Structures are given as C-alpha cells and as structure tokens.
C-alpha cells in the first residue's frame, strides 16, 4: 500500500571564459550542489490514493553587489567582475500533497475518470526566484528585494480516458 523513493544528486557545474571573472572558473547559472527529492504514495483503497513530494535544493548562484557609489543623489550598486556567481540565493524547498479519487468503475463503460485534489508548496514557502537591488525612494539606500513566484497553490484536476 505504501510506495515511494528518495533521490539525491550532488553536482557541480562550472563555466570559464577568458574575458569573464578574470579568466577563472565560476559556478554556472543552474549549478545546484545538492538536490534532494522524497516521494511517497499511499493507496488507501480502490477509490483513494494519497501522494506527497518534498523537494530541497541548494540555491542558484547569483551576484550580489560588493559596494555602492552615489551620483546625482542616486546610489548605484558596484559588482566585482572577479566574483561572478560567487553568492547564492537561499535554499529552495517545498512540500506538495495530493489526493486522487477514482469513482467506482462501471464495467459497461469504457470511460475511466479520476479527480486529483492537490496543494503545491503546502507550507507556503516564499522561495527566491531572484534577488535584485534597488534604491529605496524614501531613504535612498540600496535594498535587496526578493522575488518569489509561487506560494501555496491549490489545484483540482479531472482526468478521463476513453
């Protein structure tokens, strides 16, 4: 009744160009050192099946400013050309759950149906898609602004086969 799997990947992806990062290797945009997935499925009976999926990933490489300068009352961030992708976004993780309902089969019908009720990112973690730096219009200081794409997302799916 209970099935599942665990997957873990450790990987390292570097890039190197003579005219970037002082010619030194740097982490590629999609370098994710640690990637862990845990999936479980429980079949309660012929009508109900429950699923869960947990994902944990190292944050993507990124560039943060190393300082700032002021020009005409504007603070401008400074990036170090020799520190390309030396920083990382925060770790990414989420928990997804779903319940699948298969109505009783009618042996005389060729149509098979099921309903899937799910929640993506059950605990609503605001995973960072990017972090940008902008000037606060009131204080004129540079601030880090995190952009997150999805919080908790409920879903209902109806599948049919004929």
N, C-alpha and C. Protein backbone atom coordinates (compact mmCIF):
# COMPACT_ATOMS: atom_id res chain seq x y z
N UNK A 1 0.80 -1.21 0.00
CA UNK A 1 0.00 0.00 0.00
C UNK A 1 0.84 1.27 0.00
N UNK A 2 2.02 1.19 0.61
CA UNK A 2 2.90 2.36 0.69
C UNK A 2 4.10 2.17 -0.23
N UNK A 3 4.30 3.13 -1.13
CA UNK A 3 5.46 3.10 -2.01
C UNK A 3 6.12 4.48 -2.00
N UNK A 4 7.31 4.54 -2.53
CA UNK A 4 7.98 5.83 -2.61
C UNK A 4 9.42 5.67 -3.04
N UNK A 5 10.11 6.76 -3.06
CA UNK A 5 11.52 6.76 -3.42
C UNK A 5 12.20 8.01 -2.89
N UNK A 6 13.51 7.91 -2.79
CA UNK A 6 14.34 9.05 -2.38
C UNK A 6 15.41 9.21 -3.45
N UNK A 7 15.59 10.43 -3.90
CA UNK A 7 16.63 10.71 -4.89
C UNK A 7 17.51 11.85 -4.40
N UNK A 8 18.81 11.68 -4.54
CA UNK A 8 19.75 12.72 -4.14
C UNK A 8 20.81 12.86 -5.23
N UNK A 9 21.10 14.10 -5.58
CA UNK A 9 22.15 14.37 -6.56
C UNK A 9 23.09 15.43 -6.01
N UNK A 10 24.38 15.16 -6.08
CA UNK A 10 25.39 16.18 -5.80
C UNK A 10 26.05 16.46 -7.14
N UNK A 11 26.03 17.72 -7.54
CA UNK A 11 26.64 18.06 -8.82
C UNK A 11 27.29 19.43 -8.76
N UNK A 12 28.19 19.66 -9.68
CA UNK A 12 28.90 20.93 -9.74
C UNK A 12 29.05 21.28 -11.21
N UNK A 13 28.61 22.47 -11.58
CA UNK A 13 28.69 22.92 -12.96
C UNK A 13 29.42 24.25 -13.00
N UNK A 14 30.55 24.27 -13.67
CA UNK A 14 31.35 25.48 -13.79
C UNK A 14 31.43 25.94 -15.24
N UNK A 15 31.74 27.21 -15.41
CA UNK A 15 31.99 27.80 -16.72
C UNK A 15 33.31 28.54 -16.63
N UNK A 16 33.93 28.77 -17.77
CA UNK A 16 35.17 29.52 -17.79
C UNK A 16 35.34 30.19 -19.14
N UNK A 17 35.57 31.49 -19.10
CA UNK A 17 35.83 32.28 -20.30
C UNK A 17 37.00 33.22 -20.00
N UNK A 18 37.81 33.46 -20.98
CA UNK A 18 38.99 34.32 -20.79
C UNK A 18 38.61 35.74 -20.37
N UNK A 19 37.48 36.25 -20.87
CA UNK A 19 37.12 37.65 -20.62
C UNK A 19 36.10 37.83 -19.50
N UNK A 20 35.78 36.78 -18.76
CA UNK A 20 34.85 36.88 -17.61
C UNK A 20 35.52 36.36 -16.36
N UNK A 21 35.25 36.98 -15.24
CA UNK A 21 35.72 36.52 -13.94
C UNK A 21 37.24 36.40 -13.88
N UNK A 22 37.92 37.28 -14.57
CA UNK A 22 39.38 37.25 -14.58
C UNK A 22 39.95 35.98 -15.19
N UNK A 23 39.15 35.30 -16.04
CA UNK A 23 39.60 34.06 -16.66
C UNK A 23 39.46 32.84 -15.76
N UNK A 24 38.97 33.04 -14.53
CA UNK A 24 38.82 31.93 -13.57
C UNK A 24 37.47 31.23 -13.75
N UNK A 25 37.40 29.98 -13.31
CA UNK A 25 36.14 29.23 -13.34
C UNK A 25 35.16 29.87 -12.37
N UNK A 26 33.87 29.75 -12.71
CA UNK A 26 32.81 30.24 -11.82
C UNK A 26 31.60 29.31 -11.96
N UNK A 27 30.75 29.33 -10.95
CA UNK A 27 29.56 28.47 -10.95
C UNK A 27 28.60 28.91 -12.06
N UNK A 28 28.15 27.95 -12.86
CA UNK A 28 27.18 28.23 -13.92
C UNK A 28 25.82 28.58 -13.30
N UNK A 29 24.97 29.22 -14.08
CA UNK A 29 23.68 29.72 -13.58
C UNK A 29 22.85 28.62 -12.91
N UNK A 30 22.83 27.43 -13.47
CA UNK A 30 21.97 26.37 -12.93
C UNK A 30 22.73 25.37 -12.07
N UNK A 31 23.88 25.77 -11.53
CA UNK A 31 24.64 24.91 -10.62
C UNK A 31 23.86 24.72 -9.33
N UNK A 32 23.49 23.50 -9.05
CA UNK A 32 22.80 23.17 -7.80
C UNK A 32 23.59 22.04 -7.16
N UNK A 33 24.32 22.37 -6.10
CA UNK A 33 25.19 21.37 -5.46
C UNK A 33 24.39 20.20 -4.89
N UNK A 34 23.31 20.52 -4.19
CA UNK A 34 22.51 19.47 -3.54
C UNK A 34 21.08 19.52 -4.07
N UNK A 35 20.55 18.36 -4.45
CA UNK A 35 19.19 18.26 -4.94
C UNK A 35 18.60 16.98 -4.35
N UNK A 36 17.64 17.14 -3.43
CA UNK A 36 17.03 16.01 -2.73
C UNK A 36 15.54 15.99 -3.01
N UNK A 37 15.02 14.82 -3.37
CA UNK A 37 13.58 14.63 -3.57
C UNK A 37 13.15 13.39 -2.80
N UNK A 38 12.04 13.52 -2.07
CA UNK A 38 11.47 12.39 -1.34
C UNK A 38 10.00 12.31 -1.73
N UNK A 39 9.59 11.15 -2.24
CA UNK A 39 8.22 10.97 -2.71
C UNK A 39 7.62 9.74 -2.03
N UNK A 40 6.36 9.86 -1.63
CA UNK A 40 5.66 8.73 -1.03
C UNK A 40 4.23 8.70 -1.56
N UNK A 41 3.70 7.48 -1.69
CA UNK A 41 2.34 7.28 -2.17
C UNK A 41 1.69 6.21 -1.32
N UNK A 42 0.46 6.46 -0.89
CA UNK A 42 -0.26 5.50 -0.06
C UNK A 42 -1.63 5.23 -0.69
N UNK A 43 -1.87 3.96 -1.02
CA UNK A 43 -3.15 3.56 -1.62
C UNK A 43 -4.06 3.04 -0.50
N UNK A 44 -5.01 3.89 -0.12
CA UNK A 44 -5.93 3.53 0.97
C UNK A 44 -6.86 2.40 0.56
N UNK A 45 -7.45 2.53 -0.63
CA UNK A 45 -8.36 1.52 -1.17
C UNK A 45 -8.46 1.74 -2.68
N UNK A 46 -9.43 1.11 -3.33
CA UNK A 46 -9.57 1.24 -4.79
C UNK A 46 -9.99 2.65 -5.20
N UNK A 47 -10.58 3.41 -4.28
CA UNK A 47 -11.06 4.76 -4.62
C UNK A 47 -10.06 5.86 -4.30
N UNK A 48 -9.30 5.72 -3.22
CA UNK A 48 -8.44 6.81 -2.74
C UNK A 48 -6.96 6.46 -2.74
N UNK A 49 -6.17 7.42 -3.22
CA UNK A 49 -4.72 7.30 -3.19
C UNK A 49 -4.18 8.67 -2.76
N UNK A 50 -3.17 8.68 -1.86
CA UNK A 50 -2.60 9.92 -1.34
C UNK A 50 -1.11 9.97 -1.71
N UNK A 51 -0.66 11.16 -2.10
CA UNK A 51 0.73 11.34 -2.53
C UNK A 51 1.33 12.55 -1.82
N UNK A 52 2.64 12.47 -1.61
CA UNK A 52 3.38 13.61 -1.07
C UNK A 52 4.75 13.66 -1.74
N UNK A 53 5.26 14.87 -1.87
CA UNK A 53 6.55 15.08 -2.52
C UNK A 53 7.26 16.22 -1.80
N UNK A 54 8.49 15.98 -1.36
CA UNK A 54 9.30 17.01 -0.73
C UNK A 54 10.52 17.26 -1.60
N UNK A 55 10.85 18.53 -1.86
CA UNK A 55 11.99 18.91 -2.69
C UNK A 55 12.87 19.87 -1.90
N UNK A 56 14.18 19.63 -1.91
CA UNK A 56 15.16 20.53 -1.29
C UNK A 56 16.30 20.72 -2.28
N UNK A 57 16.66 21.98 -2.55
CA UNK A 57 17.75 22.26 -3.49
C UNK A 57 18.60 23.41 -2.98
N UNK A 58 19.90 23.31 -3.23
CA UNK A 58 20.80 24.43 -2.96
C UNK A 58 20.37 25.60 -3.83
N UNK A 59 20.48 26.80 -3.30
CA UNK A 59 20.12 27.99 -4.07
C UNK A 59 21.01 28.19 -5.28
N UNK A 60 20.45 28.81 -6.32
CA UNK A 60 21.21 29.06 -7.54
C UNK A 60 22.29 30.12 -7.32
N UNK A 61 23.37 30.03 -8.07
CA UNK A 61 24.42 31.06 -7.99
C UNK A 61 23.88 32.42 -8.46
N UNK A 62 24.40 33.47 -7.86
CA UNK A 62 23.97 34.82 -8.23
C UNK A 62 25.09 35.80 -7.89
N UNK A 63 24.86 37.04 -8.24
CA UNK A 63 25.83 38.10 -7.95
C UNK A 63 25.19 39.12 -7.02
N UNK A 64 25.85 39.41 -5.93
CA UNK A 64 25.42 40.48 -5.03
C UNK A 64 26.42 41.62 -5.14
N UNK A 65 25.97 42.84 -4.96
CA UNK A 65 26.91 43.96 -5.03
C UNK A 65 27.90 43.91 -3.87
N UNK A 66 29.09 44.45 -4.12
CA UNK A 66 30.13 44.50 -3.09
C UNK A 66 30.25 45.90 -2.50
N UNK A 67 29.51 46.84 -3.04
CA UNK A 67 29.53 48.22 -2.56
C UNK A 67 28.58 49.07 -3.37
N UNK A 68 28.69 50.38 -3.18
CA UNK A 68 27.85 51.30 -3.94
C UNK A 68 28.54 52.65 -4.01
N UNK A 69 28.12 53.45 -4.99
CA UNK A 69 28.60 54.83 -5.07
C UNK A 69 27.42 55.73 -5.37
N UNK A 70 27.59 57.00 -5.13
CA UNK A 70 26.50 57.95 -5.31
C UNK A 70 26.82 58.88 -6.47
N UNK A 71 25.83 59.07 -7.33
CA UNK A 71 25.96 60.01 -8.43
C UNK A 71 24.61 60.71 -8.59
N UNK A 72 24.61 62.02 -8.50
CA UNK A 72 23.40 62.84 -8.61
C UNK A 72 22.29 62.33 -7.68
N UNK A 73 22.64 62.10 -6.41
CA UNK A 73 21.71 61.64 -5.37
C UNK A 73 21.14 60.25 -5.63
N UNK A 74 21.78 59.46 -6.47
CA UNK A 74 21.36 58.08 -6.69
C UNK A 74 22.48 57.15 -6.23
N UNK A 75 22.13 56.14 -5.45
CA UNK A 75 23.09 55.12 -5.04
C UNK A 75 23.11 54.03 -6.11
N UNK A 76 24.27 53.76 -6.64
CA UNK A 76 24.45 52.78 -7.70
C UNK A 76 25.25 51.61 -7.16
N UNK A 77 24.74 50.36 -7.27
CA UNK A 77 25.50 49.21 -6.75
C UNK A 77 26.74 48.94 -7.59
N UNK A 78 27.77 48.42 -6.92
CA UNK A 78 29.02 48.04 -7.58
C UNK A 78 29.15 46.52 -7.50
N UNK A 79 29.43 45.91 -8.64
CA UNK A 79 29.65 44.47 -8.70
C UNK A 79 31.11 44.21 -9.02
N UNK A 80 31.68 43.18 -8.42
CA UNK A 80 33.08 42.82 -8.65
C UNK A 80 33.15 41.87 -9.84
N UNK A 81 33.80 42.28 -10.91
CA UNK A 81 33.92 41.46 -12.11
C UNK A 81 34.67 40.16 -11.87
N UNK A 82 35.42 40.07 -10.77
CA UNK A 82 36.19 38.86 -10.46
C UNK A 82 35.49 37.97 -9.44
N UNK A 83 34.20 38.22 -9.17
CA UNK A 83 33.42 37.40 -8.22
C UNK A 83 32.14 36.90 -8.89
N UNK A 84 32.18 36.55 -10.14
CA UNK A 84 30.98 36.15 -10.86
C UNK A 84 30.36 34.92 -10.22
N UNK A 85 29.05 35.01 -9.93
CA UNK A 85 28.26 33.94 -9.32
C UNK A 85 28.90 33.39 -8.03
N UNK A 86 29.54 34.25 -7.27
CA UNK A 86 30.19 33.83 -6.02
C UNK A 86 29.20 33.71 -4.87
N UNK A 87 27.99 34.26 -5.02
CA UNK A 87 26.97 34.19 -3.98
C UNK A 87 25.87 33.24 -4.42
N UNK A 88 24.96 32.92 -3.49
CA UNK A 88 23.86 32.00 -3.81
C UNK A 88 22.55 32.54 -3.26
N UNK A 89 21.47 32.23 -4.01
CA UNK A 89 20.13 32.51 -3.49
C UNK A 89 19.89 31.58 -2.30
N UNK A 90 18.92 31.91 -1.44
CA UNK A 90 18.60 31.00 -0.32
C UNK A 90 18.18 29.62 -0.84
N UNK A 91 18.33 28.61 0.02
CA UNK A 91 17.93 27.26 -0.37
C UNK A 91 16.45 27.23 -0.76
N UNK A 92 16.12 26.30 -1.62
CA UNK A 92 14.77 26.13 -2.13
C UNK A 92 14.21 24.84 -1.54
N UNK A 93 13.01 24.91 -0.98
CA UNK A 93 12.34 23.69 -0.55
C UNK A 93 10.83 23.89 -0.52
N UNK A 94 10.12 22.79 -0.70
CA UNK A 94 8.66 22.83 -0.68
C UNK A 94 8.12 21.42 -0.42
N UNK A 95 6.87 21.35 0.01
CA UNK A 95 6.17 20.09 0.23
C UNK A 95 4.86 20.15 -0.55
N UNK A 96 4.63 19.15 -1.40
CA UNK A 96 3.40 19.06 -2.18
C UNK A 96 2.62 17.84 -1.70
N UNK A 97 1.29 17.96 -1.70
CA UNK A 97 0.45 16.82 -1.34
C UNK A 97 -0.70 16.72 -2.36
N UNK A 98 -1.24 15.52 -2.49
CA UNK A 98 -2.42 15.35 -3.35
C UNK A 98 -3.20 14.12 -2.92
N UNK A 99 -4.48 14.14 -3.28
CA UNK A 99 -5.37 13.00 -3.04
C UNK A 99 -6.08 12.71 -4.36
N UNK A 100 -6.07 11.45 -4.76
CA UNK A 100 -6.71 11.04 -6.02
C UNK A 100 -7.94 10.22 -5.70
N UNK A 101 -9.06 10.61 -6.29
CA UNK A 101 -10.33 9.90 -6.12
C UNK A 101 -10.71 9.26 -7.45
N UNK A 102 -10.82 7.93 -7.46
CA UNK A 102 -11.28 7.21 -8.65
C UNK A 102 -12.68 6.69 -8.35
N UNK A 103 -13.69 7.25 -9.02
CA UNK A 103 -15.05 6.75 -8.79
C UNK A 103 -15.14 5.26 -9.15
N UNK A 104 -16.15 4.62 -8.61
CA UNK A 104 -16.32 3.18 -8.89
C UNK A 104 -16.45 2.93 -10.38
N UNK A 105 -15.81 1.87 -10.82
CA UNK A 105 -15.83 1.55 -12.24
C UNK A 105 -17.16 0.90 -12.62
N UNK A 106 -17.68 1.34 -13.74
CA UNK A 106 -18.85 0.71 -14.34
C UNK A 106 -18.32 -0.18 -15.45
N UNK A 107 -18.46 -1.46 -15.31
CA UNK A 107 -17.87 -2.40 -16.25
C UNK A 107 -18.41 -2.24 -17.67
N UNK A 108 -19.57 -1.64 -17.82
CA UNK A 108 -20.15 -1.44 -19.15
C UNK A 108 -19.67 -0.15 -19.82
N UNK A 109 -18.91 0.69 -19.11
CA UNK A 109 -18.42 1.96 -19.68
C UNK A 109 -16.93 1.86 -20.00
N UNK A 110 -16.56 2.44 -21.13
CA UNK A 110 -15.14 2.48 -21.48
C UNK A 110 -14.46 3.71 -20.90
N UNK A 111 -15.24 4.71 -20.51
CA UNK A 111 -14.70 5.94 -19.95
C UNK A 111 -14.22 5.71 -18.51
N UNK A 112 -12.96 6.05 -18.25
CA UNK A 112 -12.41 5.96 -16.90
C UNK A 112 -12.07 7.37 -16.45
N UNK A 113 -12.44 7.71 -15.23
CA UNK A 113 -12.21 9.07 -14.74
C UNK A 113 -11.54 9.06 -13.37
N UNK A 114 -10.95 10.23 -13.03
CA UNK A 114 -10.40 10.41 -11.69
C UNK A 114 -10.31 11.90 -11.39
N UNK A 115 -10.41 12.22 -10.11
CA UNK A 115 -10.24 13.58 -9.62
C UNK A 115 -8.96 13.62 -8.80
N UNK A 116 -8.18 14.68 -8.97
CA UNK A 116 -6.98 14.86 -8.17
C UNK A 116 -7.07 16.22 -7.48
N UNK A 117 -6.99 16.19 -6.16
CA UNK A 117 -7.03 17.41 -5.35
C UNK A 117 -5.62 17.59 -4.76
N UNK A 118 -5.00 18.72 -5.03
CA UNK A 118 -3.63 18.88 -4.60
C UNK A 118 -3.32 20.25 -4.05
N UNK A 119 -2.21 20.30 -3.35
CA UNK A 119 -1.67 21.59 -2.86
C UNK A 119 -0.17 21.57 -3.13
N UNK A 120 0.27 22.52 -3.96
CA UNK A 120 1.67 22.73 -4.27
C UNK A 120 2.23 23.68 -3.22
N UNK A 121 3.37 23.35 -2.64
CA UNK A 121 4.02 24.20 -1.63
C UNK A 121 3.11 24.38 -0.42
N UNK A 122 2.79 23.28 0.22
CA UNK A 122 1.82 23.23 1.31
C UNK A 122 2.06 24.27 2.40
N UNK A 123 3.30 24.49 2.80
CA UNK A 123 3.56 25.43 3.88
C UNK A 123 3.86 26.85 3.37
N UNK A 124 3.62 27.10 2.08
CA UNK A 124 3.67 28.46 1.54
C UNK A 124 5.03 29.13 1.57
N UNK A 125 6.10 28.37 1.47
CA UNK A 125 7.44 28.98 1.50
C UNK A 125 7.62 29.91 0.30
N UNK A 126 8.13 31.08 0.57
CA UNK A 126 8.42 32.06 -0.48
C UNK A 126 9.84 31.84 -0.99
N UNK A 127 10.00 30.86 -1.88
CA UNK A 127 11.32 30.54 -2.43
C UNK A 127 11.76 31.65 -3.37
N UNK A 128 13.02 32.01 -3.27
CA UNK A 128 13.57 33.12 -4.05
C UNK A 128 13.80 32.69 -5.50
N UNK A 129 13.13 33.37 -6.43
CA UNK A 129 13.42 33.18 -7.85
C UNK A 129 14.59 34.08 -8.23
N UNK A 130 14.66 35.24 -7.58
CA UNK A 130 15.78 36.16 -7.79
C UNK A 130 15.84 37.15 -6.64
N UNK A 131 16.97 37.80 -6.50
CA UNK A 131 17.12 38.90 -5.55
C UNK A 131 17.74 40.04 -6.34
N UNK A 132 17.04 41.17 -6.35
CA UNK A 132 17.55 42.34 -7.07
C UNK A 132 17.81 43.45 -6.07
N UNK A 133 18.58 44.40 -6.49
CA UNK A 133 18.95 45.51 -5.62
C UNK A 133 18.44 46.80 -6.24
N UNK A 134 17.71 47.55 -5.44
CA UNK A 134 17.12 48.79 -5.92
C UNK A 134 17.23 49.85 -4.83
N UNK A 135 17.03 51.06 -5.22
CA UNK A 135 17.14 52.16 -4.25
C UNK A 135 15.77 52.45 -3.64
N UNK A 136 15.73 52.52 -2.31
CA UNK A 136 14.52 52.90 -1.59
C UNK A 136 14.26 54.39 -1.85
N UNK A 137 13.06 54.73 -2.29
CA UNK A 137 12.76 56.12 -2.66
C UNK A 137 12.64 57.05 -1.46
N UNK A 138 12.49 56.49 -0.27
CA UNK A 138 12.39 57.33 0.92
C UNK A 138 13.75 57.52 1.60
N UNK A 139 14.51 56.42 1.73
CA UNK A 139 15.80 56.50 2.44
C UNK A 139 16.98 56.68 1.48
N UNK A 140 16.76 56.42 0.20
CA UNK A 140 17.79 56.48 -0.85
C UNK A 140 18.90 55.44 -0.64
N UNK A 141 18.67 54.46 0.19
CA UNK A 141 19.63 53.38 0.37
C UNK A 141 19.27 52.23 -0.56
N UNK A 142 20.29 51.47 -0.97
CA UNK A 142 20.03 50.27 -1.77
C UNK A 142 19.45 49.19 -0.86
N UNK A 143 18.48 48.46 -1.40
CA UNK A 143 17.83 47.38 -0.66
C UNK A 143 17.77 46.13 -1.52
N UNK A 144 17.86 44.99 -0.86
CA UNK A 144 17.70 43.71 -1.55
C UNK A 144 16.20 43.39 -1.59
N UNK A 145 15.70 43.10 -2.78
CA UNK A 145 14.29 42.75 -2.98
C UNK A 145 14.23 41.33 -3.52
N UNK A 146 13.59 40.44 -2.75
CA UNK A 146 13.44 39.05 -3.18
C UNK A 146 12.17 38.91 -4.00
N UNK A 147 12.29 38.26 -5.16
CA UNK A 147 11.13 37.95 -5.99
C UNK A 147 10.83 36.47 -5.84
N UNK A 148 9.61 36.17 -5.43
CA UNK A 148 9.16 34.78 -5.31
C UNK A 148 8.00 34.58 -6.27
N UNK A 149 7.95 33.42 -6.90
CA UNK A 149 6.94 33.20 -7.92
C UNK A 149 5.68 32.55 -7.35
N UNK A 150 5.82 31.44 -6.66
CA UNK A 150 4.65 30.73 -6.16
C UNK A 150 4.70 30.58 -4.66
N UNK A 151 3.58 30.86 -4.01
CA UNK A 151 3.39 30.49 -2.62
C UNK A 151 2.65 29.16 -2.62
N UNK A 152 1.65 29.02 -1.78
CA UNK A 152 0.83 27.83 -1.77
C UNK A 152 -0.18 27.90 -2.92
N UNK A 153 -0.29 26.81 -3.70
CA UNK A 153 -1.18 26.79 -4.86
C UNK A 153 -2.07 25.55 -4.78
N UNK A 154 -3.37 25.72 -4.51
CA UNK A 154 -4.29 24.57 -4.55
C UNK A 154 -4.65 24.24 -6.00
N UNK A 155 -5.00 22.99 -6.24
CA UNK A 155 -5.38 22.59 -7.60
C UNK A 155 -6.43 21.48 -7.57
N UNK A 156 -7.23 21.46 -8.61
CA UNK A 156 -8.19 20.37 -8.84
C UNK A 156 -8.04 19.95 -10.28
N UNK A 157 -7.87 18.66 -10.50
CA UNK A 157 -7.69 18.14 -11.86
C UNK A 157 -8.72 17.04 -12.09
N UNK A 158 -9.28 17.03 -13.30
CA UNK A 158 -10.20 15.96 -13.70
C UNK A 158 -9.59 15.27 -14.91
N UNK A 159 -9.29 13.99 -14.78
CA UNK A 159 -8.72 13.21 -15.87
C UNK A 159 -9.76 12.21 -16.38
N UNK A 160 -9.74 11.99 -17.68
CA UNK A 160 -10.60 10.95 -18.23
C UNK A 160 -9.89 10.24 -19.37
N UNK A 161 -10.16 8.94 -19.48
CA UNK A 161 -9.61 8.10 -20.56
C UNK A 161 -10.76 7.41 -21.23
N UNK A 162 -10.67 7.31 -22.56
CA UNK A 162 -11.72 6.59 -23.29
C UNK A 162 -11.12 5.79 -24.42
